[in-house]
Amino acid sequence: MADFIKATESANLKNKTGLSVKINQTDIALFRFKGKVYAFKDRCPHQGAPLSDGYVKEDCVVCIYHGWRFKISDGSFINNPTLKLKQYAVEEKNGEIFVKWEI
């Protein structure tokens, strides 16, 4: 069973910058790019740094600590597409952002 849980107000998420939110004790990184919101587990698989400290460049989320880049569309690492970030479905409506949470 999956539910959409409110993550934040839409106004809190700026374009191309990360925002960390907590859902059920899990840190989630939100990014807005080209009018769409994306959500990933807020940890870079390289050394566990928070992805939300990063930013979007072109079509990739960039971890500011070591420069690892992940396709924003599906979370795949650009140097090895089999390595992917945990991604969550997102809905934005009525000025709020919701993340789909698997129970």
PDB file of N, CA and C in Angstrom:
ATOM      1  N   MET A   1       0.844  -1.182   0.000  1.00  0.00           N
ATOM      2  CA  MET A   1       0.000   0.000   0.000  1.00  0.00           C
ATOM      3  C   MET A   1       0.888   1.244   0.000  1.00  0.00           C
ATOM      4  N   ALA A   2       0.495   2.252  -0.738  1.00  0.00           N
ATOM      5  CA  ALA A   2       1.277   3.478  -0.833  1.00  0.00           C
ATOM      6  C   ALA A   2       0.366   4.678  -0.607  1.00  0.00           C
ATOM      7  N   ASP A   3       0.907   5.653   0.079  1.00  0.00           N
ATOM      8  CA  ASP A   3       0.179   6.888   0.336  1.00  0.00           C
ATOM      9  C   ASP A   3       1.055   8.067  -0.050  1.00  0.00           C
ATOM     10  N   PHE A   4       0.415   9.150  -0.505  1.00  0.00           N
ATOM     11  CA  PHE A   4       1.137  10.388  -0.722  1.00  0.00           C
ATOM     12  C   PHE A   4       1.104  11.177   0.581  1.00  0.00           C
ATOM     13  N   ILE A   5       2.282  11.576   1.047  1.00  0.00           N
ATOM     14  CA  ILE A   5       2.425  12.290   2.304  1.00  0.00           C
ATOM     15  C   ILE A   5       2.949  13.685   2.001  1.00  0.00           C
ATOM     16  N   LYS A   6       2.363  14.678   2.659  1.00  0.00           N
ATOM     17  CA  LYS A   6       2.818  16.052   2.448  1.00  0.00           C
ATOM     18  C   LYS A   6       4.274  16.189   2.875  1.00  0.00           C
ATOM     19  N   ALA A   7       5.087  16.745   1.971  1.00  0.00           N
ATOM     20  CA  ALA A   7       6.504  16.943   2.249  1.00  0.00           C
ATOM     21  C   ALA A   7       6.807  18.384   2.630  1.00  0.00           C
ATOM     22  N   THR A   8       6.203  19.330   1.901  1.00  0.00           N
ATOM     23  CA  THR A   8       6.479  20.742   2.145  1.00  0.00           C
ATOM     24  C   THR A   8       5.529  21.602   1.323  1.00  0.00           C
ATOM     25  N   GLU A   9       5.575  22.894   1.574  1.00  0.00           N
ATOM     26  CA  GLU A   9       4.866  23.866   0.746  1.00  0.00           C
ATOM     27  C   GLU A   9       5.666  24.070  -0.542  1.00  0.00           C
ATOM     28  N   SER A  10       4.999  24.243  -1.651  1.00  0.00           N
ATOM     29  CA  SER A  10       5.670  24.447  -2.936  1.00  0.00           C
ATOM     30  C   SER A  10       6.623  25.638  -2.905  1.00  0.00           C
ATOM     31  N   ALA A  11       6.265  26.689  -2.204  1.00  0.00           N
ATOM     32  CA  ALA A  11       7.076  27.903  -2.154  1.00  0.00           C
ATOM     33  C   ALA A  11       8.443  27.667  -1.515  1.00  0.00           C
ATOM     34  N   ASN A  12       8.593  26.605  -0.734  1.00  0.00           N
ATOM     35  CA  ASN A  12       9.866  26.318  -0.066  1.00  0.00           C
ATOM     36  C   ASN A  12      10.923  25.740  -1.004  1.00  0.00           C
ATOM     37  N   LEU A  13      10.503  25.233  -2.162  1.00  0.00           N
ATOM     38  CA  LEU A  13      11.431  24.575  -3.084  1.00  0.00           C
ATOM     39  C   LEU A  13      11.758  25.487  -4.249  1.00  0.00           C
ATOM     40  N   LYS A  14      12.987  25.941  -4.295  1.00  0.00           N
ATOM     41  CA  LYS A  14      13.446  26.826  -5.355  1.00  0.00           C
ATOM     42  C   LYS A  14      13.938  26.009  -6.555  1.00  0.00           C
ATOM     43  N   ASN A  15      13.987  26.637  -7.704  1.00  0.00           N
ATOM     44  CA  ASN A  15      14.423  25.971  -8.920  1.00  0.00           C
ATOM     45  C   ASN A  15      15.912  25.614  -8.857  1.00  0.00           C
ATOM     46  N   LYS A  16      16.237  24.388  -9.203  1.00  0.00           N
ATOM     47  CA  LYS A  16      17.602  23.870  -9.344  1.00  0.00           C
ATOM     48  C   LYS A  16      18.401  23.771  -8.045  1.00  0.00           C
ATOM     49  N   THR A  17      17.766  23.955  -6.895  1.00  0.00           N
ATOM     50  CA  THR A  17      18.473  23.775  -5.626  1.00  0.00           C
ATOM     51  C   THR A  17      17.768  22.691  -4.825  1.00  0.00           C
ATOM     52  N   GLY A  18      18.517  22.030  -3.963  1.00  0.00           N
ATOM     53  CA  GLY A  18      17.958  20.947  -3.169  1.00  0.00           C
ATOM     54  C   GLY A  18      17.279  21.432  -1.905  1.00  0.00           C
ATOM     55  N   LEU A  19      16.351  20.627  -1.414  1.00  0.00           N
ATOM     56  CA  LEU A  19      15.674  20.875  -0.151  1.00  0.00           C
ATOM     57  C   LEU A  19      15.512  19.537   0.554  1.00  0.00           C
ATOM     58  N   SER A  20      15.940  19.467   1.792  1.00  0.00           N
ATOM     59  CA  SER A  20      15.793  18.245   2.575  1.00  0.00           C
ATOM     60  C   SER A  20      14.504  18.294   3.383  1.00  0.00           C
ATOM     61  N   VAL A  21      13.740  17.204   3.310  1.00  0.00           N
ATOM     62  CA  VAL A  21      12.538  17.044   4.134  1.00  0.00           C
ATOM     63  C   VAL A  21      12.615  15.672   4.787  1.00  0.00           C
ATOM     64  N   LYS A  22      11.892  15.496   5.867  1.00  0.00           N
ATOM     65  CA  LYS A  22      11.887  14.208   6.563  1.00  0.00           C
ATOM     66  C   LYS A  22      10.486  13.623   6.479  1.00  0.00           C
ATOM     67  N   ILE A  23      10.412  12.380   6.006  1.00  0.00           N
ATOM     68  CA  ILE A  23       9.151  11.649   5.945  1.00  0.00           C
ATOM     69  C   ILE A  23       9.372  10.311   6.625  1.00  0.00           C
ATOM     70  N   ASN A  24       8.592  10.049   7.648  1.00  0.00           N
ATOM     71  CA  ASN A  24       8.700   8.793   8.409  1.00  0.00           C
ATOM     72  C   ASN A  24      10.151   8.472   8.773  1.00  0.00           C
ATOM     73  N   GLN A  25      10.838   9.434   9.357  1.00  0.00           N
ATOM     74  CA  GLN A  25      12.232   9.301   9.803  1.00  0.00           C
ATOM     75  C   GLN A  25      13.228   9.060   8.667  1.00  0.00           C
ATOM     76  N   THR A  26      12.831   9.335   7.437  1.00  0.00           N
ATOM     77  CA  THR A  26      13.728   9.195   6.290  1.00  0.00           C
ATOM     78  C   THR A  26      13.951  10.566   5.664  1.00  0.00           C
ATOM     79  N   ASP A  27      15.225  10.902   5.435  1.00  0.00           N
ATOM     80  CA  ASP A  27      15.551  12.167   4.786  1.00  0.00           C
ATOM     81  C   ASP A  27      15.353  12.026   3.279  1.00  0.00           C
ATOM     82  N   ILE A  28      14.604  12.961   2.715  1.00  0.00           N
ATOM     83  CA  ILE A  28      14.291  12.978   1.295  1.00  0.00           C
ATOM     84  C   ILE A  28      14.816  14.288   0.707  1.00  0.00           C
ATOM     85  N   ALA A  29      15.470  14.216  -0.450  1.00  0.00           N
ATOM     86  CA  ALA A  29      15.947  15.399  -1.159  1.00  0.00           C
ATOM     87  C   ALA A  29      14.960  15.736  -2.269  1.00  0.00           C
ATOM     88  N   LEU A  30      14.478  16.950  -2.271  1.00  0.00           N
ATOM     89  CA  LEU A  30      13.585  17.427  -3.317  1.00  0.00           C
ATOM     90  C   LEU A  30      14.338  18.394  -4.225  1.00  0.00           C
ATOM     91  N   PHE A  31      14.033  18.327  -5.509  1.00  0.00           N
ATOM     92  CA  PHE A  31      14.611  19.238  -6.488  1.00  0.00           C
ATOM     93  C   PHE A  31      13.515  19.655  -7.459  1.00  0.00           C
ATOM     94  N   ARG A  32      13.547  20.914  -7.890  1.00  0.00           N
ATOM     95  CA  ARG A  32      12.628  21.398  -8.928  1.00  0.00           C
ATOM     96  C   ARG A  32      13.469  21.699 -10.169  1.00  0.00           C
ATOM     97  N   PHE A  33      13.021  21.154 -11.308  1.00  0.00           N
ATOM     98  CA  PHE A  33      13.730  21.370 -12.563  1.00  0.00           C
ATOM     99  C   PHE A  33      12.719  21.407 -13.698  1.00  0.00           C
ATOM    100  N   LYS A  34      12.751  22.482 -14.467  1.00  0.00           N
ATOM    101  CA  LYS A  34      11.840  22.674 -15.598  1.00  0.00           C
ATOM    102  C   LYS A  34      10.381  22.473 -15.197  1.00  0.00           C
ATOM    103  N   GLY A  35      10.028  23.020 -14.036  1.00  0.00           N
ATOM    104  CA  GLY A  35       8.638  23.001 -13.585  1.00  0.00           C
ATOM    105  C   GLY A  35       8.174  21.713 -12.929  1.00  0.00           C
ATOM    106  N   LYS A  36       9.034  20.730 -12.819  1.00  0.00           N
ATOM    107  CA  LYS A  36       8.658  19.449 -12.225  1.00  0.00           C
ATOM    108  C   LYS A  36       9.464  19.224 -10.950  1.00  0.00           C
ATOM    109  N   VAL A  37       8.852  18.510  -9.986  1.00  0.00           N
ATOM    110  CA  VAL A  37       9.523  18.208  -8.729  1.00  0.00           C
ATOM    111  C   VAL A  37       9.954  16.747  -8.724  1.00  0.00           C
ATOM    112  N   TYR A  38      11.169  16.509  -8.243  1.00  0.00           N
ATOM    113  CA  TYR A  38      11.741  15.169  -8.147  1.00  0.00           C
ATOM    114  C   TYR A  38      12.135  14.900  -6.699  1.00  0.00           C
ATOM    115  N   ALA A  39      12.027  13.648  -6.269  1.00  0.00           N
ATOM    116  CA  ALA A  39      12.366  13.279  -4.892  1.00  0.00           C
ATOM    117  C   ALA A  39      13.260  12.044  -4.885  1.00  0.00           C
ATOM    118  N   PHE A  40      14.322  12.112  -4.079  1.00  0.00           N
ATOM    119  CA  PHE A  40      15.277  11.015  -3.942  1.00  0.00           C
ATOM    120  C   PHE A  40      15.627  10.840  -2.466  1.00  0.00           C
ATOM    121  N   LYS A  41      16.078   9.657  -2.111  1.00  0.00           N
ATOM    122  CA  LYS A  41      16.634   9.481  -0.771  1.00  0.00           C
ATOM    123  C   LYS A  41      17.801  10.454  -0.656  1.00  0.00           C
ATOM    124  N   ASP A  42      17.884  11.139   0.478  1.00  0.00           N
ATOM    125  CA  ASP A  42      18.838  12.237   0.635  1.00  0.00           C
ATOM    126  C   ASP A  42      20.228  11.754   1.049  1.00  0.00           C
ATOM    127  N   ARG A  43      20.777  10.824   0.277  1.00  0.00           N
ATOM    128  CA  ARG A  43      22.137  10.340   0.529  1.00  0.00           C
ATOM    129  C   ARG A  43      22.795   9.986  -0.788  1.00  0.00           C
ATOM    130  N   CYS A  44      23.980  10.530  -1.005  1.00  0.00           N
ATOM    131  CA  CYS A  44      24.773  10.148  -2.167  1.00  0.00           C
ATOM    132  C   CYS A  44      25.362   8.770  -1.894  1.00  0.00           C
ATOM    133  N   PRO A  45      25.264   7.837  -2.830  1.00  0.00           N
ATOM    134  CA  PRO A  45      25.796   6.491  -2.594  1.00  0.00           C
ATOM    135  C   PRO A  45      27.322   6.442  -2.507  1.00  0.00           C
ATOM    136  N   HIS A  46      27.991   7.511  -2.912  1.00  0.00           N
ATOM    137  CA  HIS A  46      29.451   7.531  -2.881  1.00  0.00           C
ATOM    138  C   HIS A  46      29.975   7.496  -1.444  1.00  0.00           C
ATOM    139  N   GLN A  47      29.614   8.496  -0.638  1.00  0.00           N
ATOM    140  CA  GLN A  47      30.085   8.530   0.745  1.00  0.00           C
ATOM    141  C   GLN A  47      29.012   8.991   1.714  1.00  0.00           C
ATOM    142  N   GLY A  48      27.748   8.922   1.312  1.00  0.00           N
ATOM    143  CA  GLY A  48      26.647   9.222   2.214  1.00  0.00           C
ATOM    144  C   GLY A  48      26.352  10.689   2.440  1.00  0.00           C
ATOM    145  N   ALA A  49      26.934  11.572   1.658  1.00  0.00           N
ATOM    146  CA  ALA A  49      26.683  13.008   1.813  1.00  0.00           C
ATOM    147  C   ALA A  49      25.233  13.327   1.455  1.00  0.00           C
ATOM    148  N   PRO A  50      24.661  14.357   2.056  1.00  0.00           N
ATOM    149  CA  PRO A  50      23.290  14.732   1.713  1.00  0.00           C
ATOM    150  C   PRO A  50      23.193  15.334   0.311  1.00  0.00           C
ATOM    151  N   LEU A  51      22.385  14.707  -0.528  1.00  0.00           N
ATOM    152  CA  LEU A  51      22.187  15.221  -1.889  1.00  0.00           C
ATOM    153  C   LEU A  51      21.500  16.571  -1.888  1.00  0.00           C
ATOM    154  N   SER A  52      20.698  16.833  -0.870  1.00  0.00           N
ATOM    155  CA  SER A  52      19.959  18.090  -0.816  1.00  0.00           C
ATOM    156  C   SER A  52      20.878  19.297  -0.723  1.00  0.00           C
ATOM    157  N   ASP A  53      22.131  19.098  -0.358  1.00  0.00           N
ATOM    158  CA  ASP A  53      23.104  20.196  -0.370  1.00  0.00           C
ATOM    159  C   ASP A  53      23.555  20.519  -1.789  1.00  0.00           C
ATOM    160  N   GLY A  54      23.192  19.660  -2.728  1.00  0.00           N
ATOM    161  CA  GLY A  54      23.612  19.823  -4.119  1.00  0.00           C
ATOM    162  C   GLY A  54      22.687  20.708  -4.916  1.00  0.00           C
ATOM    163  N   TYR A  55      22.787  20.583  -6.227  1.00  0.00           N
ATOM    164  CA  TYR A  55      22.040  21.437  -7.144  1.00  0.00           C
ATOM    165  C   TYR A  55      21.813  20.678  -8.449  1.00  0.00           C
ATOM    166  N   VAL A  56      20.999  21.256  -9.321  1.00  0.00           N
ATOM    167  CA  VAL A  56      20.735  20.676 -10.634  1.00  0.00           C
ATOM    168  C   VAL A  56      21.523  21.468 -11.673  1.00  0.00           C
ATOM    169  N   LYS A  57      22.287  20.734 -12.489  1.00  0.00           N
ATOM    170  CA  LYS A  57      23.006  21.329 -13.612  1.00  0.00           C
ATOM    171  C   LYS A  57      22.640  20.523 -14.850  1.00  0.00           C
ATOM    172  N   GLU A  58      22.188  21.239 -15.882  1.00  0.00           N
ATOM    173  CA  GLU A  58      21.660  20.605 -17.081  1.00  0.00           C
ATOM    174  C   GLU A  58      20.550  19.662 -16.633  1.00  0.00           C
ATOM    175  N   ASP A  59      20.674  18.373 -16.832  1.00  0.00           N
ATOM    176  CA  ASP A  59      19.608  17.456 -16.418  1.00  0.00           C
ATOM    177  C   ASP A  59      20.085  16.497 -15.337  1.00  0.00           C
ATOM    178  N   CYS A  60      21.039  16.941 -14.510  1.00  0.00           N
ATOM    179  CA  CYS A  60      21.606  16.086 -13.466  1.00  0.00           C
ATOM    180  C   CYS A  60      21.576  16.751 -12.095  1.00  0.00           C
ATOM    181  N   VAL A  61      21.352  15.932 -11.068  1.00  0.00           N
ATOM    182  CA  VAL A  61      21.565  16.349  -9.688  1.00  0.00           C
ATOM    183  C   VAL A  61      23.056  16.162  -9.418  1.00  0.00           C
ATOM    184  N   VAL A  62      23.700  17.199  -8.894  1.00  0.00           N
ATOM    185  CA  VAL A  62      25.131  17.168  -8.631  1.00  0.00           C
ATOM    186  C   VAL A  62      25.358  17.190  -7.125  1.00  0.00           C
ATOM    187  N   CYS A  63      26.086  16.191  -6.628  1.00  0.00           N
ATOM    188  CA  CYS A  63      26.485  16.159  -5.224  1.00  0.00           C
ATOM    189  C   CYS A  63      27.663  17.126  -5.080  1.00  0.00           C
ATOM    190  N   ILE A  64      27.537  18.112  -4.203  1.00  0.00           N
ATOM    191  CA  ILE A  64      28.582  19.138  -4.111  1.00  0.00           C
ATOM    192  C   ILE A  64      29.865  18.642  -3.445  1.00  0.00           C
ATOM    193  N   TYR A  65      29.807  17.509  -2.786  1.00  0.00           N
ATOM    194  CA  TYR A  65      30.983  17.051  -2.046  1.00  0.00           C
ATOM    195  C   TYR A  65      32.060  16.444  -2.944  1.00  0.00           C
ATOM    196  N   HIS A  66      31.667  15.657  -3.928  1.00  0.00           N
ATOM    197  CA  HIS A  66      32.662  15.034  -4.807  1.00  0.00           C
ATOM    198  C   HIS A  66      32.276  15.091  -6.282  1.00  0.00           C
ATOM    199  N   GLY A  67      31.207  15.826  -6.597  1.00  0.00           N
ATOM    200  CA  GLY A  67      30.840  16.046  -7.987  1.00  0.00           C
ATOM    201  C   GLY A  67      30.110  14.912  -8.679  1.00  0.00           C
ATOM    202  N   TRP A  68      29.670  13.890  -7.924  1.00  0.00           N
ATOM    203  CA  TRP A  68      28.926  12.812  -8.579  1.00  0.00           C
ATOM    204  C   TRP A  68      27.642  13.391  -9.161  1.00  0.00           C
ATOM    205  N   ARG A  69      27.279  12.923 -10.376  1.00  0.00           N
ATOM    206  CA  ARG A  69      26.123  13.430 -11.090  1.00  0.00           C
ATOM    207  C   ARG A  69      25.142  12.302 -11.400  1.00  0.00           C
ATOM    208  N   PHE A  70      23.872  12.588 -11.156  1.00  0.00           N
ATOM    209  CA  PHE A  70      22.798  11.614 -11.345  1.00  0.00           C
ATOM    210  C   PHE A  70      21.716  12.234 -12.220  1.00  0.00           C
ATOM    211  N   LYS A  71      21.250  11.470 -13.218  1.00  0.00           N
ATOM    212  CA  LYS A  71      20.168  11.938 -14.084  1.00  0.00           C
ATOM    213  C   LYS A  71      18.946  12.240 -13.226  1.00  0.00           C
ATOM    214  N   ILE A  72      18.400  13.432 -13.361  1.00  0.00           N
ATOM    215  CA  ILE A  72      17.253  13.801 -12.540  1.00  0.00           C
ATOM    216  C   ILE A  72      16.008  12.998 -12.932  1.00  0.00           C
ATOM    217  N   SER A  73      15.939  12.536 -14.165  1.00  0.00           N
ATOM    218  CA  SER A  73      14.758  11.803 -14.633  1.00  0.00           C
ATOM    219  C   SER A  73      14.589  10.450 -13.964  1.00  0.00           C
ATOM    220  N   ASP A  74      15.707   9.747 -13.688  1.00  0.00           N
ATOM    221  CA  ASP A  74      15.574   8.406 -13.110  1.00  0.00           C
ATOM    222  C   ASP A  74      16.585   8.089 -12.007  1.00  0.00           C
ATOM    223  N   GLY A  75      17.432   9.053 -11.641  1.00  0.00           N
ATOM    224  CA  GLY A  75      18.390   8.854 -10.551  1.00  0.00           C
ATOM    225  C   GLY A  75      19.621   8.047 -10.909  1.00  0.00           C
ATOM    226  N   SER A  76      19.829   7.750 -12.189  1.00  0.00           N
ATOM    227  CA  SER A  76      20.971   6.920 -12.564  1.00  0.00           C
ATOM    228  C   SER A  76      22.269   7.734 -12.564  1.00  0.00           C
ATOM    229  N   PHE A  77      23.339   7.110 -12.079  1.00  0.00           N
ATOM    230  CA  PHE A  77      24.667   7.715 -12.026  1.00  0.00           C
ATOM    231  C   PHE A  77      25.192   7.811 -13.459  1.00  0.00           C
ATOM    232  N   ILE A  78      25.686   8.977 -13.864  1.00  0.00           N
ATOM    233  CA  ILE A  78      26.060   9.143 -15.270  1.00  0.00           C
ATOM    234  C   ILE A  78      27.251   8.287 -15.681  1.00  0.00           C
ATOM    235  N   ASN A  79      28.112   7.919 -14.739  1.00  0.00           N
ATOM    236  CA  ASN A  79      29.276   7.091 -15.087  1.00  0.00           C
ATOM    237  C   ASN A  79      28.995   5.597 -15.033  1.00  0.00           C
ATOM    238  N   ASN A  80      27.866   5.216 -14.449  1.00  0.00           N
ATOM    239  CA  ASN A  80      27.475   3.812 -14.350  1.00  0.00           C
ATOM    240  C   ASN A  80      25.961   3.767 -14.153  1.00  0.00           C
ATOM    241  N   PRO A  81      25.177   3.737 -15.233  1.00  0.00           N
ATOM    242  CA  PRO A  81      23.721   3.816 -15.142  1.00  0.00           C
ATOM    243  C   PRO A  81      23.054   2.703 -14.328  1.00  0.00           C
ATOM    244  N   THR A  82      23.779   1.632 -14.012  1.00  0.00           N
ATOM    245  CA  THR A  82      23.172   0.584 -13.180  1.00  0.00           C
ATOM    246  C   THR A  82      23.111   1.001 -11.712  1.00  0.00           C
ATOM    247  N   LEU A  83      23.871   2.022 -11.333  1.00  0.00           N
ATOM    248  CA  LEU A  83      23.824   2.564  -9.975  1.00  0.00           C
ATOM    249  C   LEU A  83      22.793   3.690  -9.967  1.00  0.00           C
ATOM    250  N   LYS A  84      21.737   3.514  -9.169  1.00  0.00           N
ATOM    251  CA  LYS A  84      20.643   4.489  -9.160  1.00  0.00           C
ATOM    252  C   LYS A  84      20.309   4.923  -7.743  1.00  0.00           C
ATOM    253  N   LEU A  85      19.891   6.180  -7.650  1.00  0.00           N
ATOM    254  CA  LEU A  85      19.370   6.699  -6.396  1.00  0.00           C
ATOM    255  C   LEU A  85      17.980   6.126  -6.166  1.00  0.00           C
ATOM    256  N   LYS A  86      17.600   5.987  -4.888  1.00  0.00           N
ATOM    257  CA  LYS A  86      16.218   5.631  -4.552  1.00  0.00           C
ATOM    258  C   LYS A  86      15.362   6.841  -4.883  1.00  0.00           C
ATOM    259  N   GLN A  87      14.389   6.642  -5.771  1.00  0.00           N
ATOM    260  CA  GLN A  87      13.537   7.740  -6.220  1.00  0.00           C
ATOM    261  C   GLN A  87      12.102   7.517  -5.765  1.00  0.00           C
ATOM    262  N   TYR A  88      11.415   8.609  -5.475  1.00  0.00           N
ATOM    263  CA  TYR A  88      10.022   8.567  -5.024  1.00  0.00           C
ATOM    264  C   TYR A  88       9.144   9.341  -5.990  1.00  0.00           C
ATOM    265  N   ALA A  89       7.921   8.866  -6.185  1.00  0.00           N
ATOM    266  CA  ALA A  89       6.942   9.594  -6.989  1.00  0.00           C
ATOM    267  C   ALA A  89       6.521  10.847  -6.229  1.00  0.00           C
ATOM    268  N   VAL A  90       6.197  11.893  -6.990  1.00  0.00           N
ATOM    269  CA  VAL A  90       5.850  13.181  -6.403  1.00  0.00           C
ATOM    270  C   VAL A  90       4.587  13.715  -7.067  1.00  0.00           C
ATOM    271  N   GLU A  91       3.749  14.371  -6.253  1.00  0.00           N
ATOM    272  CA  GLU A  91       2.609  15.128  -6.767  1.00  0.00           C
ATOM    273  C   GLU A  91       2.709  16.535  -6.191  1.00  0.00           C
ATOM    274  N   GLU A  92       2.408  17.510  -7.023  1.00  0.00           N
ATOM    275  CA  GLU A  92       2.352  18.885  -6.548  1.00  0.00           C
ATOM    276  C   GLU A  92       0.976  19.425  -6.879  1.00  0.00           C
ATOM    277  N   LYS A  93       0.264  19.874  -5.848  1.00  0.00           N
ATOM    278  CA  LYS A  93      -1.071  20.422  -6.088  1.00  0.00           C
ATOM    279  C   LYS A  93      -1.444  21.385  -4.965  1.00  0.00           C
ATOM    280  N   ASN A  94      -2.199  22.388  -5.330  1.00  0.00           N
ATOM    281  CA  ASN A  94      -2.691  23.385  -4.379  1.00  0.00           C
ATOM    282  C   ASN A  94      -1.583  23.982  -3.517  1.00  0.00           C
ATOM    283  N   GLY A  95      -0.418  24.215  -4.132  1.00  0.00           N
ATOM    284  CA  GLY A  95       0.670  24.856  -3.414  1.00  0.00           C
ATOM    285  C   GLY A  95       1.406  23.966  -2.430  1.00  0.00           C
ATOM    286  N   GLU A  96       1.245  22.646  -2.568  1.00  0.00           N
ATOM    287  CA  GLU A  96       1.913  21.698  -1.674  1.00  0.00           C
ATOM    288  C   GLU A  96       2.560  20.580  -2.479  1.00  0.00           C
ATOM    289  N   ILE A  97       3.643  20.030  -1.925  1.00  0.00           N
ATOM    290  CA  ILE A  97       4.355  18.915  -2.554  1.00  0.00           C
ATOM    291  C   ILE A  97       4.139  17.672  -1.708  1.00  0.00           C
ATOM    292  N   PHE A  98       3.757  16.579  -2.385  1.00  0.00           N
ATOM    293  CA  PHE A  98       3.501  15.310  -1.721  1.00  0.00           C
ATOM    294  C   PHE A  98       4.439  14.236  -2.299  1.00  0.00           C
ATOM    295  N   VAL A  99       4.954  13.371  -1.444  1.00  0.00           N
ATOM    296  CA  VAL A  99       5.825  12.284  -1.859  1.00  0.00           C
ATOM    297  C   VAL A  99       5.106  10.974  -1.589  1.00  0.00           C
ATOM    298  N   LYS A 100       5.156  10.067  -2.573  1.00  0.00           N
ATOM    299  CA  LYS A 100       4.526   8.755  -2.419  1.00  0.00           C
ATOM    300  C   LYS A 100       5.390   7.889  -1.516  1.00  0.00           C
ATOM    301  N   TRP A 101       4.792   7.402  -0.461  1.00  0.00           N
ATOM    302  CA  TRP A 101       5.506   6.616   0.537  1.00  0.00           C
ATOM    303  C   TRP A 101       4.949   5.203   0.576  1.00  0.00           C
ATOM    304  N   GLU A 102       5.833   4.238   0.360  1.00  0.00           N
ATOM    305  CA  GLU A 102       5.424   2.829   0.405  1.00  0.00           C
ATOM    306  C   GLU A 102       5.334   2.373   1.856  1.00  0.00           C
ATOM    307  N   ILE A 103       4.236   1.753   2.204  1.00  0.00           N
ATOM    308  CA  ILE A 103       4.049   1.253   3.581  1.00  0.00           C
ATOM    309  C   ILE A 103       4.282  -0.238   3.618  1.00  0.00           C
TER     310      ILE A 103
END
